[in-house]
N, C-alpha and C. Protein backbone atom coordinates (compact mmCIF):
# COMPACT_ATOMS: atom_id res chain seq x y z
N MET A 1 0.85 -1.17 0.00
CA MET A 1 0.00 0.00 0.00
C MET A 1 0.90 1.24 0.00
N SER A 2 0.61 2.18 -0.85
CA SER A 2 1.42 3.39 -0.89
C SER A 2 1.19 4.23 0.36
N LEU A 3 2.20 5.03 0.69
CA LEU A 3 2.12 5.85 1.90
C LEU A 3 0.90 6.76 1.89
N ILE A 4 0.57 7.33 0.75
CA ILE A 4 -0.55 8.27 0.67
C ILE A 4 -1.89 7.59 0.99
N ASN A 5 -1.93 6.27 0.82
CA ASN A 5 -3.17 5.54 1.09
C ASN A 5 -3.22 4.90 2.47
N GLN A 6 -2.17 5.08 3.26
CA GLN A 6 -2.13 4.50 4.60
C GLN A 6 -3.13 5.21 5.52
N PRO A 7 -3.84 4.47 6.32
CA PRO A 7 -4.76 5.08 7.30
C PRO A 7 -3.96 5.53 8.53
N ILE A 8 -3.13 6.55 8.36
CA ILE A 8 -2.16 6.89 9.39
C ILE A 8 -2.77 7.45 10.67
N LEU A 9 -3.98 7.89 10.64
CA LEU A 9 -4.61 8.39 11.87
C LEU A 9 -5.46 7.33 12.57
N GLN A 10 -5.49 6.16 12.01
CA GLN A 10 -6.32 5.09 12.57
C GLN A 10 -6.00 4.79 14.03
N TYR A 11 -4.74 4.87 14.40
CA TYR A 11 -4.34 4.53 15.76
C TYR A 11 -3.90 5.75 16.57
N ALA A 12 -4.24 6.92 16.12
CA ALA A 12 -3.82 8.15 16.81
C ALA A 12 -4.31 8.19 18.26
N ASP A 13 -5.45 7.60 18.52
CA ASP A 13 -5.99 7.62 19.88
C ASP A 13 -5.19 6.75 20.86
N GLU A 14 -4.22 5.98 20.34
CA GLU A 14 -3.38 5.16 21.20
C GLU A 14 -2.11 5.89 21.64
N ILE A 15 -1.83 7.04 21.07
CA ILE A 15 -0.62 7.79 21.41
C ILE A 15 -0.83 8.46 22.76
N ARG A 16 0.08 8.18 23.68
CA ARG A 16 -0.01 8.76 25.02
C ARG A 16 1.16 9.69 25.32
N THR A 17 2.13 9.75 24.44
CA THR A 17 3.29 10.62 24.64
C THR A 17 2.93 12.05 24.24
N PRO A 18 3.69 13.04 24.71
CA PRO A 18 3.41 14.43 24.37
C PRO A 18 3.48 14.67 22.86
N VAL A 19 2.56 15.47 22.37
CA VAL A 19 2.50 15.79 20.94
C VAL A 19 2.29 17.29 20.78
N LEU A 20 3.16 17.91 19.99
CA LEU A 20 3.01 19.31 19.61
C LEU A 20 2.85 19.33 18.09
N ILE A 21 1.73 19.83 17.62
CA ILE A 21 1.48 19.96 16.19
C ILE A 21 1.57 21.44 15.85
N VAL A 22 2.47 21.76 14.93
CA VAL A 22 2.67 23.15 14.51
C VAL A 22 2.25 23.26 13.04
N HIS A 23 1.36 24.19 12.76
CA HIS A 23 0.89 24.40 11.39
C HIS A 23 0.80 25.88 11.09
N GLY A 24 1.01 26.21 9.83
CA GLY A 24 0.79 27.57 9.39
C GLY A 24 -0.70 27.81 9.22
N LYS A 25 -1.16 28.98 9.59
CA LYS A 25 -2.59 29.31 9.46
C LYS A 25 -3.07 29.20 8.02
N ASN A 26 -2.20 29.54 7.06
CA ASN A 26 -2.57 29.52 5.65
C ASN A 26 -2.21 28.22 4.94
N ALA A 27 -1.82 27.21 5.68
CA ALA A 27 -1.41 25.94 5.07
C ALA A 27 -2.61 25.20 4.49
N HIS A 28 -2.44 24.69 3.28
CA HIS A 28 -3.51 23.90 2.68
C HIS A 28 -3.74 22.59 3.43
N SER A 29 -2.75 22.14 4.17
CA SER A 29 -2.83 20.88 4.91
C SER A 29 -3.22 21.07 6.38
N ARG A 30 -3.60 22.28 6.75
CA ARG A 30 -3.91 22.54 8.16
C ARG A 30 -5.02 21.64 8.70
N TYR A 31 -5.96 21.32 7.86
CA TYR A 31 -7.06 20.45 8.28
C TYR A 31 -6.54 19.12 8.83
N PHE A 32 -5.43 18.62 8.26
CA PHE A 32 -4.91 17.33 8.69
C PHE A 32 -4.34 17.42 10.10
N GLY A 33 -3.61 18.48 10.39
CA GLY A 33 -3.08 18.68 11.74
C GLY A 33 -4.19 18.83 12.75
N GLU A 34 -5.24 19.54 12.38
CA GLU A 34 -6.38 19.74 13.28
C GLU A 34 -7.10 18.42 13.52
N THR A 35 -7.26 17.63 12.47
CA THR A 35 -7.90 16.32 12.60
C THR A 35 -7.07 15.41 13.51
N ALA A 36 -5.75 15.40 13.29
CA ALA A 36 -4.87 14.57 14.12
C ALA A 36 -4.96 15.00 15.57
N TYR A 37 -4.95 16.29 15.82
CA TYR A 37 -5.03 16.82 17.19
C TYR A 37 -6.30 16.33 17.89
N HIS A 38 -7.41 16.38 17.21
CA HIS A 38 -8.68 15.98 17.82
C HIS A 38 -8.78 14.47 18.04
N LYS A 39 -8.03 13.70 17.27
CA LYS A 39 -8.04 12.25 17.46
C LYS A 39 -7.14 11.80 18.61
N LEU A 40 -6.16 12.62 18.97
CA LEU A 40 -5.27 12.28 20.08
C LEU A 40 -6.04 12.31 21.39
N LYS A 41 -5.85 11.32 22.24
CA LYS A 41 -6.59 11.23 23.50
C LYS A 41 -5.81 11.69 24.71
N GLY A 42 -4.49 11.82 24.58
CA GLY A 42 -3.67 12.21 25.72
C GLY A 42 -3.99 13.62 26.19
N ASP A 43 -3.59 13.93 27.41
CA ASP A 43 -3.84 15.27 27.94
C ASP A 43 -2.62 16.17 27.79
N ASN A 44 -1.57 15.65 27.14
CA ASN A 44 -0.36 16.44 26.92
C ASN A 44 -0.16 16.67 25.43
N LYS A 45 -1.18 17.24 24.81
CA LYS A 45 -1.14 17.55 23.39
C LYS A 45 -1.39 19.04 23.21
N GLU A 46 -0.86 19.57 22.11
CA GLU A 46 -1.08 20.98 21.83
C GLU A 46 -1.06 21.21 20.32
N LEU A 47 -1.97 22.03 19.85
CA LEU A 47 -2.03 22.46 18.46
C LEU A 47 -1.65 23.93 18.43
N PHE A 48 -0.57 24.25 17.74
CA PHE A 48 -0.07 25.62 17.67
C PHE A 48 -0.14 26.10 16.23
N ILE A 49 -0.98 27.11 15.98
CA ILE A 49 -1.17 27.65 14.65
C ILE A 49 -0.36 28.94 14.53
N VAL A 50 0.51 29.00 13.52
CA VAL A 50 1.35 30.17 13.29
C VAL A 50 0.66 31.06 12.26
N LYS A 51 0.32 32.26 12.68
CA LYS A 51 -0.41 33.20 11.81
C LYS A 51 0.47 33.70 10.67
N GLY A 52 -0.15 33.87 9.51
CA GLY A 52 0.51 34.50 8.37
C GLY A 52 1.45 33.64 7.56
N VAL A 53 1.52 32.35 7.83
CA VAL A 53 2.42 31.49 7.06
C VAL A 53 1.67 30.27 6.52
N ASN A 54 2.27 29.67 5.48
CA ASN A 54 1.69 28.45 4.94
C ASN A 54 2.56 27.26 5.33
N HIS A 55 2.28 26.13 4.77
CA HIS A 55 2.97 24.88 5.12
C HIS A 55 4.48 24.99 4.88
N VAL A 56 4.85 25.43 3.72
CA VAL A 56 6.26 25.46 3.32
C VAL A 56 7.04 26.54 4.05
N ASP A 57 6.40 27.63 4.42
CA ASP A 57 7.09 28.72 5.12
C ASP A 57 7.77 28.26 6.40
N LEU A 58 7.28 27.21 7.00
CA LEU A 58 7.82 26.77 8.28
C LEU A 58 9.06 25.88 8.16
N TYR A 59 9.43 25.50 6.93
CA TYR A 59 10.62 24.66 6.83
C TYR A 59 11.47 24.87 5.59
N ASP A 60 11.00 25.56 4.58
CA ASP A 60 11.78 25.62 3.35
C ASP A 60 11.86 27.05 2.80
N GLY A 61 12.85 27.78 3.26
CA GLY A 61 13.11 29.09 2.69
C GLY A 61 12.19 30.20 3.15
N GLY A 62 11.34 29.90 4.08
CA GLY A 62 10.44 30.93 4.59
C GLY A 62 11.16 31.84 5.57
N ASP A 63 10.42 32.72 6.14
CA ASP A 63 10.96 33.63 7.14
C ASP A 63 11.28 32.84 8.41
N LYS A 64 12.55 32.75 8.76
CA LYS A 64 12.95 31.96 9.93
C LYS A 64 12.33 32.52 11.21
N ASN A 65 11.95 33.78 11.20
CA ASN A 65 11.29 34.36 12.38
C ASN A 65 9.88 33.82 12.56
N ALA A 66 9.33 33.20 11.51
CA ALA A 66 7.98 32.63 11.60
C ALA A 66 7.97 31.32 12.37
N ILE A 67 9.11 30.66 12.43
CA ILE A 67 9.18 29.37 13.13
C ILE A 67 9.15 29.64 14.63
N PRO A 68 8.20 29.04 15.33
CA PRO A 68 8.03 29.31 16.77
C PRO A 68 9.02 28.53 17.64
N PHE A 69 10.31 28.84 17.50
CA PHE A 69 11.33 28.12 18.26
C PHE A 69 11.09 28.19 19.76
N ASP A 70 10.63 29.34 20.25
CA ASP A 70 10.38 29.46 21.69
C ASP A 70 9.28 28.53 22.16
N LYS A 71 8.25 28.37 21.34
CA LYS A 71 7.15 27.47 21.68
C LYS A 71 7.63 26.02 21.68
N ILE A 72 8.40 25.66 20.67
CA ILE A 72 8.92 24.30 20.56
C ILE A 72 9.83 24.00 21.75
N GLU A 73 10.70 24.93 22.08
CA GLU A 73 11.60 24.74 23.20
C GLU A 73 10.85 24.57 24.52
N SER A 74 9.87 25.42 24.76
CA SER A 74 9.13 25.33 26.02
C SER A 74 8.33 24.02 26.11
N PHE A 75 7.78 23.58 24.99
CA PHE A 75 7.03 22.32 24.97
C PHE A 75 7.95 21.15 25.30
N TYR A 76 9.14 21.12 24.69
CA TYR A 76 10.10 20.05 24.98
C TYR A 76 10.57 20.10 26.43
N LYS A 77 10.86 21.27 26.91
CA LYS A 77 11.33 21.39 28.29
C LYS A 77 10.27 20.91 29.29
N GLU A 78 9.03 21.19 28.98
CA GLU A 78 7.94 20.79 29.87
C GLU A 78 7.64 19.29 29.79
N ASN A 79 7.75 18.73 28.61
CA ASN A 79 7.28 17.36 28.42
C ASN A 79 8.35 16.29 28.27
N LEU A 80 9.60 16.66 28.15
CA LEU A 80 10.67 15.68 28.01
C LEU A 80 11.58 15.72 29.22
N LYS A 81 11.01 15.47 30.36
CA LYS A 81 11.77 15.49 31.62
C LYS A 81 12.31 14.11 31.92
């Protein structure tokens, strides 16, 4: 089965480890991150939407100031003890 056809969210409700989902507000794929977030059952999950950027802006040649490094750092410090 090709990766694109995998039911990758089928077992999302079994994830109990901390999850931080970061998406650009203008990303065409934002719906997927939101869907994944709602399927997660753990109480240590967070959905962080970055205003004014799309999917690619957060990793490929976009404004590096748009990447929420402080949010990522604080999430790791809180949840990876």
